[in-house]
Amino acid sequence: MIQEHLEFALEGRAEYIELIRLLKYVGIAENGAHAGELVMHGLVRRNGVLEMRKRAKIRAGDLLSVGEVEIVVRP
C-alpha cells in the first residue's frame, strides 16, 4: 500500500532523468550506490513493471513506486 506520494518535475528542457539520479534527488536513496542497490534488489517499479536498469531514462508521465513511496514525474 502506498503511504507517501511525491511529485518530481523535470527541469528546463530535460527530456529525462536517470533512475538512480531521481532516487537520490527525491531522497529515497542516500547516494548512488544505495540507489543502485534498490534497483538491483528489485524494489523499483516503473509504470507497474519491475525496473532493473539503474540508468533507465525516466520521462514525464512515468509513475515509479519504491516500497511505500510513489513518485509521479511531471514535465
Foldseek 3Di string as FASTA:
>chain_A
DADEEAEAEDPDPDFFFFQLVVCCVVPVAVDSVRSLVQLCVQQKDKPNHGHNDRGDTHGAQIWMDGVNYIYHYHD
